[in-house]
């Protein structure tokens, strides 16, 4: 089931200086650590003067759409899904 949220979260990221790729490695959501096993898409947009980065990632059990705010350097879970139909 897909749920739309606006929940703050903790995200650990990795940056590879050779490929210049910045990607989430794991996230802490509702007290559980979820290791990112699938990196989907990444896109960015501006909300006023603030650059927002959107990442689509998955752990073995859940899909996450997470948002990185470059002004506040904070992360928000926007969507979560367990893959089941509604």
N, C-alpha and C. Protein backbone atom coordinates (compact mmCIF):
# COMPACT_ATOMS: atom_id res chain seq x y z
N UNK A 1 0.84 -1.17 0.00
CA UNK A 1 0.00 0.00 0.00
C UNK A 1 0.89 1.25 0.00
N UNK A 2 0.57 2.17 -0.84
CA UNK A 2 1.32 3.42 -0.95
C UNK A 2 0.76 4.43 0.05
N UNK A 3 1.66 5.01 0.85
CA UNK A 3 1.27 6.05 1.80
C UNK A 3 2.04 7.32 1.49
N UNK A 4 1.35 8.44 1.48
CA UNK A 4 1.98 9.75 1.32
C UNK A 4 2.23 10.31 2.71
N UNK A 5 3.47 10.75 2.97
CA UNK A 5 3.87 11.25 4.28
C UNK A 5 4.65 12.55 4.14
N UNK A 6 4.96 13.15 5.25
CA UNK A 6 5.88 14.28 5.35
C UNK A 6 6.62 14.11 6.68
N UNK A 7 7.37 13.00 6.79
CA UNK A 7 8.00 12.63 8.05
C UNK A 7 9.51 12.85 7.99
N UNK A 8 10.08 13.58 8.94
CA UNK A 8 11.54 13.73 8.98
C UNK A 8 12.21 12.37 9.20
N UNK A 9 13.39 12.20 8.64
CA UNK A 9 14.11 10.94 8.77
C UNK A 9 15.61 11.19 8.80
N UNK A 10 16.35 10.18 9.21
CA UNK A 10 17.80 10.22 9.19
C UNK A 10 18.29 9.37 8.03
N UNK A 11 19.19 9.93 7.21
CA UNK A 11 19.70 9.23 6.03
C UNK A 11 21.22 9.25 6.05
N UNK A 12 21.82 8.10 5.79
CA UNK A 12 23.27 8.01 5.60
C UNK A 12 23.52 7.93 4.11
N UNK A 13 24.45 8.75 3.62
CA UNK A 13 24.73 8.82 2.19
C UNK A 13 26.20 8.52 1.90
N UNK A 14 26.45 8.20 0.65
CA UNK A 14 27.81 7.96 0.16
C UNK A 14 28.03 8.85 -1.05
N UNK A 15 29.21 9.44 -1.12
CA UNK A 15 29.59 10.23 -2.29
C UNK A 15 30.85 9.61 -2.89
N UNK A 16 30.80 9.29 -4.18
CA UNK A 16 31.95 8.75 -4.90
C UNK A 16 32.57 9.87 -5.71
N UNK A 17 33.78 10.29 -5.35
CA UNK A 17 34.41 11.42 -6.02
C UNK A 17 34.81 11.10 -7.46
N UNK A 18 35.01 9.84 -7.79
CA UNK A 18 35.39 9.49 -9.16
C UNK A 18 34.20 9.55 -10.11
N UNK A 19 33.07 9.02 -9.68
CA UNK A 19 31.88 9.04 -10.54
C UNK A 19 31.00 10.25 -10.27
N UNK A 20 31.31 10.97 -9.18
CA UNK A 20 30.55 12.15 -8.75
C UNK A 20 29.09 11.81 -8.47
N UNK A 21 28.89 10.64 -7.90
CA UNK A 21 27.53 10.20 -7.56
C UNK A 21 27.33 10.29 -6.05
N UNK A 22 26.25 10.95 -5.66
CA UNK A 22 25.82 11.09 -4.28
C UNK A 22 24.56 10.24 -4.13
N UNK A 23 24.57 9.26 -3.24
CA UNK A 23 23.43 8.36 -3.13
C UNK A 23 23.17 7.97 -1.69
N UNK A 24 21.89 7.84 -1.33
CA UNK A 24 21.54 7.34 0.00
C UNK A 24 22.00 5.89 0.17
N UNK A 25 22.54 5.58 1.33
CA UNK A 25 23.02 4.22 1.63
C UNK A 25 22.06 3.50 2.56
N UNK A 26 21.52 4.21 3.54
CA UNK A 26 20.54 3.64 4.45
C UNK A 26 19.75 4.77 5.10
N UNK A 27 18.59 4.41 5.65
CA UNK A 27 17.80 5.42 6.35
C UNK A 27 17.17 4.82 7.59
N UNK A 28 16.96 5.68 8.56
CA UNK A 28 16.34 5.30 9.83
C UNK A 28 14.92 5.83 9.80
N UNK A 29 13.96 4.93 9.77
CA UNK A 29 12.56 5.32 9.71
C UNK A 29 11.79 4.52 10.74
N UNK A 30 11.07 5.21 11.61
CA UNK A 30 10.28 4.63 12.69
C UNK A 30 11.10 3.65 13.53
N UNK A 31 12.33 4.06 13.86
CA UNK A 31 13.17 3.27 14.74
C UNK A 31 13.86 2.08 14.12
N UNK A 32 13.69 1.88 12.82
CA UNK A 32 14.33 0.75 12.13
C UNK A 32 15.28 1.25 11.06
N UNK A 33 16.42 0.59 10.96
CA UNK A 33 17.42 0.91 9.93
C UNK A 33 17.05 0.14 8.66
N UNK A 34 16.95 0.85 7.54
CA UNK A 34 16.62 0.24 6.25
C UNK A 34 17.79 0.48 5.30
N UNK A 35 18.49 -0.59 4.92
CA UNK A 35 19.61 -0.47 3.99
C UNK A 35 19.06 -0.37 2.57
N UNK A 36 19.57 0.60 1.82
CA UNK A 36 19.14 0.79 0.43
C UNK A 36 19.79 -0.28 -0.43
N UNK A 37 18.95 -1.08 -1.08
CA UNK A 37 19.46 -2.13 -1.97
C UNK A 37 19.21 -1.80 -3.44
N UNK A 38 18.23 -0.94 -3.69
CA UNK A 38 17.92 -0.52 -5.06
C UNK A 38 17.84 0.99 -5.09
N UNK A 39 18.62 1.60 -5.97
CA UNK A 39 18.60 3.05 -6.18
C UNK A 39 17.83 3.29 -7.47
N UNK A 40 16.67 3.92 -7.36
CA UNK A 40 15.83 4.16 -8.53
C UNK A 40 16.26 5.43 -9.26
N UNK A 41 15.45 6.44 -9.19
CA UNK A 41 15.74 7.68 -9.90
C UNK A 41 16.14 8.77 -8.92
N UNK A 42 16.68 9.83 -9.49
CA UNK A 42 17.00 11.05 -8.74
C UNK A 42 16.66 12.21 -9.65
N UNK A 43 15.98 13.19 -9.11
CA UNK A 43 15.76 14.43 -9.84
C UNK A 43 15.73 15.57 -8.82
N UNK A 44 15.86 16.77 -9.32
CA UNK A 44 15.87 17.94 -8.43
C UNK A 44 14.96 19.02 -9.00
N UNK A 45 14.54 19.89 -8.12
CA UNK A 45 13.72 21.04 -8.52
C UNK A 45 13.92 22.15 -7.51
N UNK A 46 13.49 23.33 -7.87
CA UNK A 46 13.60 24.48 -6.97
C UNK A 46 12.23 24.78 -6.37
N UNK A 47 12.27 25.06 -5.08
CA UNK A 47 11.08 25.54 -4.37
C UNK A 47 11.47 26.91 -3.84
N UNK A 48 11.16 27.93 -4.62
CA UNK A 48 11.67 29.27 -4.34
C UNK A 48 13.16 29.27 -4.62
N UNK A 49 13.97 29.65 -3.64
CA UNK A 49 15.42 29.63 -3.81
C UNK A 49 16.05 28.32 -3.33
N UNK A 50 15.24 27.45 -2.76
CA UNK A 50 15.75 26.20 -2.19
C UNK A 50 15.78 25.09 -3.23
N UNK A 51 16.92 24.42 -3.35
CA UNK A 51 17.04 23.27 -4.24
C UNK A 51 16.61 22.03 -3.46
N UNK A 52 15.71 21.26 -4.06
CA UNK A 52 15.21 20.02 -3.45
C UNK A 52 15.66 18.85 -4.34
N UNK A 53 16.17 17.79 -3.71
CA UNK A 53 16.58 16.58 -4.42
C UNK A 53 15.66 15.45 -4.00
N UNK A 54 15.10 14.75 -4.99
CA UNK A 54 14.18 13.65 -4.74
C UNK A 54 14.87 12.35 -5.16
N UNK A 55 14.85 11.36 -4.25
CA UNK A 55 15.45 10.07 -4.50
C UNK A 55 14.39 8.98 -4.35
N UNK A 56 14.39 8.03 -5.25
CA UNK A 56 13.55 6.85 -5.16
C UNK A 56 14.46 5.68 -4.83
N UNK A 57 14.25 5.08 -3.66
CA UNK A 57 15.11 3.99 -3.21
C UNK A 57 14.25 2.87 -2.63
N UNK A 58 14.86 1.69 -2.51
CA UNK A 58 14.14 0.56 -1.93
C UNK A 58 15.06 -0.25 -1.04
N UNK A 59 14.48 -0.76 0.03
CA UNK A 59 15.14 -1.73 0.90
C UNK A 59 14.56 -3.09 0.49
N UNK A 60 15.00 -4.17 1.10
CA UNK A 60 14.42 -5.47 0.73
C UNK A 60 12.90 -5.57 0.95
N UNK A 61 12.35 -4.75 1.86
CA UNK A 61 10.93 -4.87 2.16
C UNK A 61 10.08 -3.65 1.82
N UNK A 62 10.70 -2.47 1.67
CA UNK A 62 9.94 -1.24 1.45
C UNK A 62 10.53 -0.37 0.35
N UNK A 63 9.66 0.41 -0.28
CA UNK A 63 10.06 1.43 -1.25
C UNK A 63 9.90 2.79 -0.56
N UNK A 64 10.86 3.69 -0.79
CA UNK A 64 10.82 5.03 -0.21
C UNK A 64 11.03 6.08 -1.29
N UNK A 65 10.30 7.17 -1.17
CA UNK A 65 10.58 8.38 -1.93
C UNK A 65 11.01 9.40 -0.89
N UNK A 66 12.29 9.79 -0.94
CA UNK A 66 12.82 10.71 0.08
C UNK A 66 13.26 12.01 -0.57
N UNK A 67 13.18 13.06 0.20
CA UNK A 67 13.45 14.42 -0.29
C UNK A 67 14.54 15.05 0.56
N UNK A 68 15.55 15.62 -0.11
CA UNK A 68 16.64 16.30 0.58
C UNK A 68 16.53 17.80 0.33
N UNK A 69 16.43 18.59 1.41
CA UNK A 69 16.35 20.04 1.35
C UNK A 69 17.76 20.60 1.51
N UNK A 70 18.28 21.29 0.49
CA UNK A 70 19.66 21.76 0.54
C UNK A 70 19.85 22.98 1.43
N UNK A 71 18.79 23.70 1.76
CA UNK A 71 18.92 24.85 2.68
C UNK A 71 19.03 24.38 4.13
N UNK A 72 18.14 23.52 4.54
CA UNK A 72 18.14 23.06 5.92
C UNK A 72 18.98 21.80 6.12
N UNK A 73 19.44 21.20 5.02
CA UNK A 73 20.19 19.94 5.04
C UNK A 73 19.42 18.86 5.79
N UNK A 74 18.13 18.80 5.51
CA UNK A 74 17.26 17.83 6.18
C UNK A 74 16.62 16.88 5.16
N UNK A 75 16.21 15.73 5.66
CA UNK A 75 15.58 14.70 4.84
C UNK A 75 14.14 14.48 5.30
N UNK A 76 13.26 14.20 4.33
CA UNK A 76 11.86 13.92 4.61
C UNK A 76 11.44 12.70 3.79
N UNK A 77 10.71 11.78 4.42
CA UNK A 77 10.09 10.68 3.69
C UNK A 77 8.78 11.21 3.13
N UNK A 78 8.64 11.19 1.79
CA UNK A 78 7.42 11.66 1.15
C UNK A 78 6.45 10.53 0.86
N UNK A 79 6.98 9.37 0.48
CA UNK A 79 6.14 8.22 0.17
C UNK A 79 6.80 6.96 0.68
N UNK A 80 5.99 6.00 1.04
CA UNK A 80 6.48 4.68 1.43
C UNK A 80 5.48 3.65 0.91
N UNK A 81 6.01 2.52 0.45
CA UNK A 81 5.13 1.47 -0.05
C UNK A 81 5.74 0.11 0.30
N UNK A 82 4.83 -0.84 0.58
CA UNK A 82 5.28 -2.19 0.85
C UNK A 82 5.11 -3.09 -0.39
N UNK A 83 4.67 -2.51 -1.49
CA UNK A 83 4.51 -3.26 -2.73
C UNK A 83 3.17 -3.94 -2.90
N UNK A 84 2.37 -3.92 -1.86
CA UNK A 84 1.03 -4.54 -1.94
C UNK A 84 0.04 -3.58 -2.55
N UNK A 85 -0.98 -4.10 -3.22
CA UNK A 85 -2.02 -3.27 -3.79
C UNK A 85 -2.88 -2.69 -2.68
N UNK A 86 -3.46 -1.51 -2.95
CA UNK A 86 -4.32 -0.86 -1.95
C UNK A 86 -5.55 -1.60 -1.69
